[in-house]
Amino acid sequence: MNPIVECIPNFSEARRPEVVDQIVAAASIPGVRILDRSSDTDHNRTVLTFAGDPAAVEQAAFLAIQKAASLIDMDTHSGEHPRIGATDVVPFVPIAGISMEECVAMARRLGRRVGEELGIPVYLYEAAASRPERTNLEVIRKGQYEGLKADVLVNPARQPDFGPARLGSAGATVIGARAPLVAFNVYLTTGDVAIAKQIAKAMRQSSGGYRFVKAAGFLVDGHAQVSMNLTDYRQTPIARVVETIRREALRYGVGIHHSELVGLIPQEALVDAAVWYTQLDQFTPEQVLETRLASAGSPESSPPAPDFLNALAAAVPAPGGGSAAAYAGAMGAGLVCMVAGLTIGKKKYAEVEERMRVILGEAESLQAALRAAVDEDAAAFEAVMAAFKLPKESPEQLAARNAQVQLATLQAARVPLEAARKAVRVMELAAEVAATGNLNAISDGASGLAMARAALAAAGTNVRINVNSLSEPAAGQSLLAELAALESTATQVEASLRETLATRAGLKF
């Protein structure tokens, strides 16, 4: 089974649907399936759920964070829910074929990238936490955006794991990895929020209630609400939580009006609740029809998708050269990971071990981004083709169509340029591991540089072709200037590698 990871980012916006639309669109890239979108105007918060290939999900999370940062100003934000940033929290959840440790690595890569590229402070939490006290989200959120904005400037304990120690208008973001969580709200037959707060206090673990329950009381749509996160529904089931709230509510002469889910819930959690309420003591999961069908396999299941090389060889326009460039760059990054991994733990290379760990982390991040760029380039090409198909019967339609073609073509140049940037960085890392890493793997480091150099050449060709086809080529001149600078850097890195191969391996050029 191909690995599947779930991501459930929470954004501090629900009252402007057009903003949420743009964030969702940013995350809607190939390899990612949008599963759910849930907005609460009182909380002024949207929970987005998507899943798919780990590299694509990681890239989608970055793009969504980037878009939210450009559209949400935390200095003007208000809402019932605690928050510290435009993208408040981003958890990765292992679903199939991927471990919690791999999700932790995803969280750390994404955190570093968000901190470095977007200048947003990032805190790691849950399984990815860098220190024990940051495991709990509530600790990081203490004081909310306004409190953290002041405290981070003077309190060393509030320093972020990545990014600057100051908050801009996008605030800070919490990124981590965790087990599946159920976000569950219970509404009471009263508007007295004090009752909801008392019940929440009785329920939550931090106040002496149930383990794996986080709870708070709010007033939403005229009803007192007990808002909860159930962090381990197997240890503390939903039915137990609901019935305890029902009993606590009776103490105040009120009852449960209704309940709601925020986002998605594992089927197992609902089945457990049904079994509890119906007292099916002899029940087994295999008695669920859909479970039995899934285990038996479907005779009408579709055949597996062809691999990338087969797709590349097919007589269709995409994926094409730009996707191949990204794929080559990802292979180069993979070889850098290999050499760094073969160096770490070897006594002979103890003095460079810490640097190799850093290189390994960066190379893994580059590989994930370049793997995602394979689909991004194909999507950019398809967007250009779609723009050319827009109607042009009237002058207005023609003008709109031409403008869209210009924008789509410019994006089709930007995507391979981003791949070129990453390819050059892979070259630099490959040259470094070849120079200081495990000598037995020097050829692998050199091969990694060669793959990345090929990626740069292919990506550069795509940049130039697309810029040249712009109706206003001047709009792409800055892209060509950056490409030329990257190619100059690549030439210097190649020269450095030749010197390394001559001194460490005795090769002559």
Protein backbone atom coordinates (compact mmCIF):
# COMPACT_ATOMS: atom_id res chain seq x y z
CA MET A 1 0.00 0.00 0.00
CA ASN A 2 1.24 3.49 -0.83
CA PRO A 3 1.88 5.57 2.31
CA ILE A 4 -0.95 7.92 3.31
CA VAL A 5 -0.65 10.78 5.78
CA GLU A 6 -3.40 13.08 6.99
CA CYS A 7 -2.98 16.78 7.75
CA ILE A 8 -5.52 18.87 9.68
CA PRO A 9 -4.40 22.54 9.68
CA ASN A 10 -6.47 25.05 11.66
CA PHE A 11 -6.74 28.59 10.27
CA SER A 12 -7.82 31.70 12.16
CA GLU A 13 -10.54 32.68 9.71
CA ALA A 14 -14.16 31.67 9.12
CA ARG A 15 -16.04 34.93 8.61
CA ARG A 16 -14.59 35.60 5.15
CA PRO A 17 -15.41 32.56 3.00
CA GLU A 18 -13.47 34.02 0.08
CA VAL A 19 -10.28 33.90 2.16
CA VAL A 20 -10.91 30.30 3.18
CA ASP A 21 -11.56 29.46 -0.48
CA GLN A 22 -8.11 30.74 -1.43
CA ILE A 23 -6.42 28.75 1.34
CA VAL A 24 -8.21 25.57 0.28
CA ALA A 25 -7.25 26.22 -3.35
CA ALA A 26 -3.60 26.63 -2.35
CA ALA A 27 -3.63 23.19 -0.70
CA SER A 28 -5.44 21.52 -3.61
CA ILE A 29 -2.42 20.15 -5.46
CA PRO A 30 -1.94 16.81 -7.25
CA GLY A 31 -1.37 13.95 -4.84
CA VAL A 32 -3.58 15.54 -2.17
CA ARG A 33 -7.26 14.90 -1.55
CA ILE A 34 -9.28 17.51 0.32
CA LEU A 35 -11.48 15.53 2.70
CA ASP A 36 -13.26 18.13 4.78
CA ARG A 37 -13.60 21.84 5.47
CA SER A 38 -15.31 23.01 8.65
CA SER A 39 -15.73 26.70 9.58
CA ASP A 40 -17.14 28.18 12.80
CA THR A 41 -17.88 31.91 12.66
CA ASP A 42 -18.12 32.30 16.44
CA HIS A 43 -14.71 30.73 16.90
CA ASN A 44 -13.60 32.47 13.68
CA ARG A 45 -11.69 29.33 12.81
CA THR A 46 -11.59 26.86 9.93
CA VAL A 47 -10.38 23.29 10.15
CA LEU A 48 -9.19 21.79 6.87
CA THR A 49 -8.57 18.07 6.45
CA PHE A 50 -6.59 16.59 3.57
CA ALA A 51 -4.63 13.41 2.98
CA GLY A 52 -2.44 11.73 0.40
CA ASP A 53 1.17 11.09 -0.53
CA PRO A 54 3.45 12.36 2.28
CA ALA A 55 5.57 14.60 0.04
CA ALA A 56 2.51 16.15 -1.59
CA VAL A 57 0.75 16.63 1.77
CA GLU A 58 3.84 18.34 3.18
CA GLN A 59 3.97 20.68 0.20
CA ALA A 60 0.22 21.38 0.41
CA ALA A 61 0.59 22.30 4.08
CA PHE A 62 3.36 24.75 3.22
CA LEU A 63 1.35 26.36 0.44
CA ALA A 64 -1.71 26.71 2.70
CA ILE A 65 0.40 28.31 5.46
CA GLN A 66 1.93 30.68 2.91
CA LYS A 67 -1.48 31.70 1.57
CA ALA A 68 -2.99 32.17 5.04
CA ALA A 69 -0.06 34.38 6.06
CA SER A 70 -0.75 36.69 3.12
CA LEU A 71 -4.48 36.97 3.81
CA ILE A 72 -4.97 36.93 7.60
CA ASP A 73 -3.86 39.77 9.87
CA MET A 74 -3.72 38.60 13.47
CA ASP A 75 -3.64 42.20 14.74
CA THR A 76 -7.27 42.53 13.67
CA HIS A 77 -8.42 38.98 14.38
CA SER A 78 -10.98 38.10 17.04
CA GLY A 79 -12.78 34.89 17.91
CA GLU A 80 -13.77 32.58 20.74
CA HIS A 81 -11.11 29.94 20.09
CA PRO A 82 -7.57 30.32 21.50
CA ARG A 83 -5.05 31.06 18.73
CA ILE A 84 -1.55 32.39 18.11
CA GLY A 85 -1.36 32.57 14.33
CA ALA A 86 -3.04 32.82 10.95
CA THR A 87 -2.28 29.12 10.58
CA ASP A 88 -2.64 28.20 14.22
CA VAL A 89 -1.76 24.52 14.31
CA VAL A 90 -0.71 21.92 11.71
CA PRO A 91 -0.71 18.28 12.84
CA PHE A 92 0.36 15.33 10.70
CA VAL A 93 -1.36 12.00 11.41
CA PRO A 94 -0.11 8.62 10.12
CA ILE A 95 -2.88 6.74 8.32
CA ALA A 96 -1.32 3.89 6.35
CA GLY A 97 2.17 2.77 5.39
CA ILE A 98 3.86 5.53 7.38
CA SER A 99 5.16 5.66 10.93
CA MET A 100 4.79 8.30 13.62
CA GLU A 101 8.56 8.87 13.37
CA GLU A 102 8.21 9.71 9.68
CA CYS A 103 5.41 12.15 10.50
CA VAL A 104 7.68 13.75 13.10
CA ALA A 105 10.33 14.19 10.40
CA MET A 106 7.71 15.80 8.15
CA ALA A 107 6.72 18.21 10.92
CA ARG A 108 10.31 19.23 11.54
CA ARG A 109 11.08 19.71 7.86
CA LEU A 110 7.98 21.79 7.37
CA GLY A 111 8.71 23.79 10.52
CA ARG A 112 12.21 24.63 9.35
CA ARG A 113 10.94 25.62 5.90
CA VAL A 114 8.14 27.83 7.25
CA GLY A 115 10.56 29.53 9.62
CA GLU A 116 13.25 30.11 6.99
CA GLU A 117 11.21 30.86 3.87
CA LEU A 118 8.17 32.62 5.35
CA GLY A 119 9.76 34.18 8.42
CA ILE A 120 7.02 32.78 10.70
CA PRO A 121 7.97 31.54 14.19
CA VAL A 122 7.27 27.82 14.48
CA TYR A 123 6.79 25.73 17.62
CA LEU A 124 6.87 21.93 17.53
CA TYR A 125 4.33 19.98 19.60
CA GLU A 126 2.97 16.52 20.46
CA ALA A 127 5.25 13.73 19.15
CA ALA A 128 7.47 16.27 17.36
CA ALA A 129 8.01 18.47 20.43
CA SER A 130 11.60 19.59 20.96
CA ARG A 131 11.14 19.69 24.74
CA PRO A 132 8.70 17.94 27.10
CA GLU A 133 6.83 21.06 28.19
CA ARG A 134 5.86 21.80 24.59
CA THR A 135 4.07 18.52 24.06
CA ASN A 136 0.77 20.14 25.04
CA LEU A 137 -0.64 22.73 22.67
CA GLU A 138 -2.12 24.73 25.54
CA VAL A 139 1.35 25.49 26.93
CA ILE A 140 2.51 26.94 23.62
CA ARG A 141 -0.73 28.92 23.18
CA LYS A 142 -0.51 30.51 26.64
CA GLY A 143 -1.42 34.19 26.39
CA GLN A 144 -2.68 33.68 22.82
CA TYR A 145 -1.35 35.83 19.96
CA GLU A 146 -1.30 39.06 21.92
CA GLY A 147 0.51 37.57 24.92
CA LEU A 148 3.03 35.60 22.89
CA LYS A 149 3.81 38.63 20.71
CA ALA A 150 5.07 40.50 23.77
CA ASP A 151 6.50 37.55 25.70
CA VAL A 152 8.63 36.09 22.91
CA LEU A 153 10.75 39.26 22.83
CA VAL A 154 11.85 38.97 26.47
CA ASN A 155 11.28 35.39 27.64
CA PRO A 156 13.89 32.80 26.49
CA ALA A 157 11.43 29.98 27.32
CA ARG A 158 9.11 31.25 24.58
CA GLN A 159 11.73 31.17 21.81
CA PRO A 160 10.45 29.30 18.73
CA ASP A 161 12.00 26.12 17.39
CA PHE A 162 12.35 27.69 13.93
CA GLY A 163 12.05 31.17 12.50
CA PRO A 164 12.47 34.59 14.07
CA ALA A 165 11.83 35.33 17.75
CA ARG A 166 9.22 37.93 16.90
CA LEU A 167 5.66 37.81 15.64
CA GLY A 168 4.52 39.56 12.49
CA SER A 169 0.95 39.95 11.32
CA ALA A 170 0.74 36.20 10.58
CA GLY A 171 1.61 35.36 14.18
CA ALA A 172 3.19 32.00 14.98
CA THR A 173 2.40 28.46 13.88
CA VAL A 174 2.46 25.18 15.84
CA ILE A 175 3.42 22.10 13.83
CA GLY A 176 3.58 18.52 15.01
CA ALA A 177 2.63 14.87 14.66
CA ARG A 178 -0.01 13.03 16.63
CA ALA A 179 -2.41 10.10 16.68
CA PRO A 180 -5.94 10.53 15.27
CA LEU A 181 -7.96 13.04 17.31
CA VAL A 182 -11.70 13.57 17.57
CA ALA A 183 -12.83 17.20 17.78
CA PHE A 184 -16.24 17.00 19.38
CA ASN A 185 -18.62 19.67 20.72
CA VAL A 186 -21.67 19.19 22.96
CA TYR A 187 -24.33 21.95 23.10
CA LEU A 188 -26.44 22.34 26.24
CA THR A 189 -30.06 23.39 26.67
CA THR A 190 -28.98 26.67 28.24
CA GLY A 191 -27.29 29.90 27.29
CA ASP A 192 -25.38 30.04 30.58
CA VAL A 193 -21.77 29.67 29.53
CA ALA A 194 -20.71 29.35 33.17
CA ILE A 195 -22.36 25.91 33.24
CA ALA A 196 -20.43 24.83 30.15
CA LYS A 197 -17.19 26.02 31.74
CA GLN A 198 -17.89 24.04 34.92
CA ILE A 199 -18.69 20.88 32.95
CA ALA A 200 -15.57 21.35 30.82
CA LYS A 201 -13.50 21.64 33.97
CA ALA A 202 -14.98 18.37 35.23
CA MET A 203 -14.21 16.64 31.92
CA ARG A 204 -10.67 17.70 31.05
CA GLN A 205 -7.63 15.79 32.21
CA SER A 206 -5.73 18.89 33.35
CA SER A 207 -8.48 19.61 35.92
CA GLY A 208 -8.81 16.07 37.21
CA GLY A 209 -11.24 14.71 34.61
CA TYR A 210 -10.80 12.02 32.01
CA ARG A 211 -7.44 11.23 30.51
CA PHE A 212 -7.03 12.20 26.85
CA VAL A 213 -9.76 14.86 27.07
CA LYS A 214 -9.18 18.56 26.51
CA ALA A 215 -12.23 20.72 27.11
CA ALA A 216 -13.36 24.34 27.34
CA GLY A 217 -16.70 26.13 27.64
CA PHE A 218 -18.02 28.67 25.11
CA LEU A 219 -21.22 30.43 24.11
CA VAL A 220 -22.07 29.57 20.49
CA ASP A 221 -25.31 30.45 18.68
CA GLY A 222 -27.05 31.14 21.98
CA HIS A 223 -26.17 27.76 23.47
CA ALA A 224 -23.54 26.96 26.06
CA GLN A 225 -21.04 24.65 24.37
CA VAL A 226 -18.56 22.14 25.81
CA SER A 227 -15.84 22.05 23.17
CA MET A 228 -13.49 19.07 23.33
CA ASN A 229 -10.55 17.33 21.73
CA LEU A 230 -10.45 13.61 22.46
CA THR A 231 -6.78 12.76 21.91
CA ASP A 232 -7.18 8.98 22.36
CA TYR A 233 -10.74 7.81 21.71
CA ARG A 234 -9.73 4.20 22.38
CA GLN A 235 -8.73 4.98 25.96
CA THR A 236 -11.57 7.44 26.62
CA PRO A 237 -14.47 6.60 24.27
CA ILE A 238 -16.99 9.11 22.97
CA ALA A 239 -19.95 7.39 24.63
CA ARG A 240 -18.34 7.69 28.05
CA VAL A 241 -17.68 11.38 27.48
CA VAL A 242 -21.23 12.10 26.30
CA GLU A 243 -22.87 10.27 29.17
CA THR A 244 -20.66 11.99 31.73
CA ILE A 245 -21.58 15.38 30.28
CA ARG A 246 -25.25 14.39 30.39
CA ARG A 247 -24.94 13.47 34.07
CA GLU A 248 -23.00 16.64 34.94
CA ALA A 249 -25.55 18.79 33.10
CA LEU A 250 -28.38 17.32 35.18
CA ARG A 251 -26.75 18.79 38.28
CA TYR A 252 -27.55 22.23 36.84
CA GLY A 253 -31.04 21.29 35.65
CA VAL A 254 -30.10 21.27 31.96
CA GLY A 255 -29.55 18.61 29.30
CA ILE A 256 -27.81 18.02 26.00
CA HIS A 257 -29.36 19.91 23.09
CA HIS A 258 -27.18 18.34 20.37
CA SER A 259 -23.58 17.53 19.56
CA GLU A 260 -21.35 18.01 16.52
CA LEU A 261 -18.11 16.85 14.97
CA VAL A 262 -15.46 19.27 13.78
CA GLY A 263 -13.74 17.69 10.82
CA LEU A 264 -13.59 13.92 10.42
CA ILE A 265 -13.75 10.96 12.79
CA PRO A 266 -12.34 7.42 12.51
CA GLN A 267 -15.07 4.88 11.82
CA GLU A 268 -13.85 2.83 14.76
CA ALA A 269 -14.81 5.62 17.18
CA LEU A 270 -18.42 5.67 15.95
CA VAL A 271 -18.67 1.89 15.91
CA ASP A 272 -17.47 1.80 19.52
CA ALA A 273 -20.16 4.33 20.49
CA ALA A 274 -22.86 2.32 18.71
CA VAL A 275 -21.73 -0.90 20.39
CA TRP A 276 -21.81 0.78 23.82
CA TYR A 277 -25.29 2.25 23.40
CA THR A 278 -26.82 -0.90 21.86
CA GLN A 279 -25.01 -3.23 24.30
CA LEU A 280 -23.71 -5.49 21.52
CA ASP A 281 -21.46 -7.39 23.88
CA GLN A 282 -20.51 -10.09 21.36
CA PHE A 283 -19.82 -7.66 18.51
CA THR A 284 -16.70 -7.95 16.35
CA PRO A 285 -15.59 -5.42 13.69
CA GLU A 286 -15.86 -8.10 10.99
CA GLN A 287 -19.65 -7.92 11.37
CA VAL A 288 -19.68 -4.51 9.68
CA LEU A 289 -20.64 -5.04 6.04
CA GLU A 290 -18.25 -2.45 4.65
CA THR A 291 -15.37 -3.90 6.68
CA ARG A 292 -16.04 -7.37 5.32
CA LEU A 293 -16.20 -6.06 1.76
CA ALA A 294 -12.95 -4.17 2.16
CA SER A 295 -11.13 -7.18 3.59
CA ALA A 296 -12.44 -9.39 0.78
CA GLY A 297 -11.35 -6.93 -1.89
CA SER A 298 -13.50 -5.43 -4.59
CA PRO A 299 -13.65 -7.25 -7.93
CA GLU A 300 -14.21 -3.93 -9.63
CA SER A 301 -11.22 -2.19 -8.10
CA SER A 302 -9.28 -0.09 -10.58
CA PRO A 303 -5.78 -1.10 -11.62
CA PRO A 304 -2.83 0.62 -9.98
CA ALA A 305 -1.68 3.90 -11.49
CA PRO A 306 1.38 3.67 -13.74
CA ASP A 307 4.68 4.74 -12.23
CA PHE A 308 6.27 8.05 -13.16
CA LEU A 309 8.61 6.67 -15.83
CA ASN A 310 5.73 5.00 -17.64
CA ALA A 311 3.69 8.20 -17.39
CA LEU A 312 6.63 10.17 -18.76
CA ALA A 313 6.94 7.85 -21.74
CA ALA A 314 3.25 8.07 -22.61
CA ALA A 315 2.24 10.03 -25.72
CA VAL A 316 0.63 12.85 -23.72
CA PRO A 317 1.96 16.37 -23.04
CA ALA A 318 2.21 16.03 -19.27
CA PRO A 319 4.16 15.05 -17.27
CA GLY A 320 6.98 16.42 -19.40
CA GLY A 321 10.39 18.00 -19.18
CA GLY A 322 9.65 20.15 -16.16
CA SER A 323 8.40 17.17 -14.18
CA ALA A 324 11.44 15.16 -15.29
CA ALA A 325 13.67 17.99 -14.03
CA ALA A 326 12.07 17.84 -10.60
CA TYR A 327 12.33 14.03 -10.57
CA ALA A 328 16.06 14.21 -11.38
CA GLY A 329 16.55 16.76 -8.62
CA ALA A 330 14.73 14.49 -6.17
CA MET A 331 17.06 11.63 -7.14
CA GLY A 332 20.04 13.90 -6.51
CA ALA A 333 18.68 14.81 -3.09
CA GLY A 334 18.15 11.12 -2.35
CA LEU A 335 21.81 10.40 -3.04
CA VAL A 336 22.83 13.22 -0.71
CA CYS A 337 20.65 11.59 1.99
CA MET A 338 22.39 8.29 1.28
CA VAL A 339 25.93 9.68 1.70
CA ALA A 340 25.01 11.63 4.83
CA GLY A 341 23.39 8.50 6.30
CA LEU A 342 26.46 6.40 5.53
CA THR A 343 28.65 8.98 7.29
CA ILE A 344 26.58 9.35 10.47
CA GLY A 345 27.62 6.92 13.20
CA LYS A 346 31.08 6.21 11.78
CA LYS A 347 33.87 6.95 14.28
CA LYS A 348 36.18 8.03 11.48
CA TYR A 349 33.80 10.88 10.63
CA ALA A 350 32.75 11.86 14.16
CA GLU A 351 33.84 15.46 13.70
CA VAL A 352 31.42 15.99 10.80
CA GLU A 353 28.56 13.90 12.19
CA GLU A 354 26.54 16.83 13.49
CA ARG A 355 26.87 18.63 10.17
CA MET A 356 25.84 15.47 8.33
CA ARG A 357 22.68 15.28 10.43
CA VAL A 358 21.84 18.83 9.41
CA ILE A 359 22.53 18.01 5.76
CA LEU A 360 20.39 14.89 5.98
CA GLY A 361 17.43 16.89 7.29
CA GLU A 362 17.76 19.53 4.60
CA ALA A 363 18.22 16.96 1.84
CA GLU A 364 15.09 15.10 2.97
CA SER A 365 13.14 18.35 2.82
CA LEU A 366 14.49 19.14 -0.65
CA GLN A 367 13.65 15.66 -1.87
CA ALA A 368 10.07 15.97 -0.60
CA ALA A 369 9.64 19.37 -2.24
CA LEU A 370 11.08 18.18 -5.55
CA ARG A 371 8.88 15.08 -5.53
CA ALA A 372 5.87 17.36 -5.07
CA ALA A 373 7.17 19.59 -7.88
CA VAL A 374 6.81 16.67 -10.31
CA ASP A 375 3.03 17.06 -10.06
CA GLU A 376 3.16 20.84 -9.67
CA ASP A 377 4.86 21.23 -13.04
CA ALA A 378 2.29 19.01 -14.76
CA ALA A 379 -0.50 21.01 -13.10
CA ALA A 380 1.07 24.29 -14.24
CA PHE A 381 1.18 23.06 -17.83
CA GLU A 382 -2.45 21.95 -17.66
CA ALA A 383 -3.41 25.39 -16.34
CA VAL A 384 -1.81 26.98 -19.41
CA MET A 385 -3.73 24.63 -21.71
CA ALA A 386 -6.96 25.43 -19.84
CA ALA A 387 -6.31 29.17 -20.26
CA PHE A 388 -5.89 28.77 -24.02
CA LYS A 389 -9.29 27.06 -24.16
CA LEU A 390 -11.13 30.00 -22.58
CA PRO A 391 -13.72 31.70 -24.84
CA LYS A 392 -12.52 34.58 -27.05
CA GLU A 393 -15.59 35.48 -29.11
CA SER A 394 -15.88 39.04 -27.82
CA PRO A 395 -13.14 41.64 -27.20
CA GLU A 396 -13.79 41.36 -23.47
CA GLN A 397 -13.50 37.58 -23.52
CA LEU A 398 -10.34 37.76 -25.61
CA ALA A 399 -8.76 40.25 -23.20
CA ALA A 400 -9.66 38.10 -20.19
CA ARG A 401 -8.40 34.97 -21.93
CA ASN A 402 -5.10 36.59 -22.89
CA ALA A 403 -4.60 37.88 -19.35
CA GLN A 404 -5.20 34.40 -17.96
CA VAL A 405 -2.79 32.87 -20.49
CA GLN A 406 -0.15 35.40 -19.40
CA LEU A 407 -0.65 34.56 -15.72
CA ALA A 408 -0.68 30.80 -16.27
CA THR A 409 2.43 30.93 -18.48
CA LEU A 410 4.26 33.04 -15.92
CA GLN A 411 3.38 30.47 -13.26
CA ALA A 412 4.55 27.71 -15.61
CA ALA A 413 7.95 29.48 -15.63
CA ARG A 414 8.02 30.03 -11.87
CA VAL A 415 7.47 26.36 -11.04
CA PRO A 416 10.60 25.07 -12.83
CA LEU A 417 12.55 28.07 -11.52
CA GLU A 418 11.72 26.93 -7.99
CA ALA A 419 12.90 23.45 -8.96
CA ALA A 420 16.11 25.04 -10.29
CA ARG A 421 16.67 26.81 -6.96
CA LYS A 422 16.33 23.55 -5.10
CA ALA A 423 18.49 21.69 -7.62
CA VAL A 424 21.36 24.13 -7.07
CA ARG A 425 21.02 23.68 -3.32
CA VAL A 426 21.15 19.92 -3.83
CA MET A 427 24.34 20.43 -5.85
CA GLU A 428 25.89 22.40 -2.99
CA LEU A 429 25.01 19.71 -0.46
CA ALA A 430 26.23 16.96 -2.80
CA ALA A 431 29.57 18.74 -3.19
CA GLU A 432 29.85 19.03 0.60
CA VAL A 433 29.12 15.36 1.34
CA ALA A 434 31.56 14.37 -1.39
CA ALA A 435 34.22 16.57 0.22
CA THR A 436 33.74 15.60 3.87
CA GLY A 437 31.48 12.56 3.99
CA ASN A 438 32.18 8.84 3.86
CA LEU A 439 34.92 8.37 1.27
CA ASN A 440 33.46 5.02 0.24
CA ALA A 441 30.38 6.88 -1.01
CA ILE A 442 32.15 9.74 -2.79
CA SER A 443 30.93 8.51 -6.18
CA ASP A 444 27.36 8.63 -4.86
CA GLY A 445 27.84 12.23 -3.78
CA ALA A 446 29.23 13.08 -7.20
CA SER A 447 26.33 11.27 -8.86
CA GLY A 448 23.89 13.25 -6.73
CA LEU A 449 25.46 16.46 -7.99
CA ALA A 450 25.22 15.20 -11.59
CA MET A 451 21.50 14.43 -11.15
CA ALA A 452 20.90 17.89 -9.69
CA ARG A 453 22.90 19.51 -12.48
CA ALA A 454 20.72 17.73 -15.03
CA ALA A 455 17.68 18.95 -13.13
CA LEU A 456 18.95 22.53 -13.36
CA ALA A 457 19.57 22.23 -17.09
CA ALA A 458 16.12 20.78 -17.79
CA ALA A 459 14.34 23.22 -15.48
CA GLY A 460 16.25 26.13 -17.01
CA THR A 461 15.12 25.17 -20.49
CA ASN A 462 11.51 25.16 -19.32
CA VAL A 463 11.89 28.54 -17.66
CA ARG A 464 13.31 30.10 -20.84
CA ILE A 465 10.72 28.52 -23.13
CA ASN A 466 7.83 29.77 -20.99
CA VAL A 467 9.25 33.27 -20.54
CA ASN A 468 9.88 33.49 -24.27
CA SER A 469 6.24 32.62 -24.97
CA LEU A 470 4.88 35.42 -22.75
CA SER A 471 2.94 38.11 -24.58
CA GLU A 472 4.87 40.56 -22.39
CA PRO A 473 8.35 39.00 -22.03
CA ALA A 474 9.49 41.81 -19.75
CA ALA A 475 7.37 40.24 -17.00
CA GLY A 476 9.74 37.28 -16.97
CA GLN A 477 13.08 39.09 -17.07
CA SER A 478 13.62 38.81 -13.32
CA LEU A 479 13.15 35.05 -13.61
CA LEU A 480 15.77 34.83 -16.34
CA ALA A 481 18.18 36.93 -14.30
CA GLU A 482 17.78 34.63 -11.30
CA LEU A 483 18.20 31.58 -13.52
CA ALA A 484 21.48 32.96 -14.88
CA ALA A 485 22.71 33.53 -11.32
CA LEU A 486 21.80 29.98 -10.37
CA GLU A 487 23.66 28.60 -13.38
CA SER A 488 26.72 30.64 -12.43
CA THR A 489 26.61 29.21 -8.92
CA ALA A 490 26.24 25.70 -10.34
CA THR A 491 29.39 26.16 -12.45
CA GLN A 492 31.36 27.11 -9.33
CA VAL A 493 30.00 24.11 -7.41
CA GLU A 494 30.97 21.77 -10.26
CA ALA A 495 34.52 23.16 -10.19
CA SER A 496 34.66 22.58 -6.44
CA LEU A 497 33.56 18.96 -6.90
CA ARG A 498 36.25 18.34 -9.52
CA GLU A 499 38.88 19.54 -7.04
CA THR A 500 37.43 17.23 -4.39
CA LEU A 501 37.47 14.23 -6.73
CA ALA A 502 41.08 15.01 -7.65
CA THR A 503 42.28 15.28 -4.04
CA ARG A 504 40.13 12.60 -2.35
CA ALA A 505 39.80 10.04 -5.17
CA GLY A 506 42.79 10.80 -7.40
CA LEU A 507 40.63 11.49 -10.45
CA LYS A 508 41.98 13.69 -13.23
CA PHE A 509 39.89 15.93 -15.50
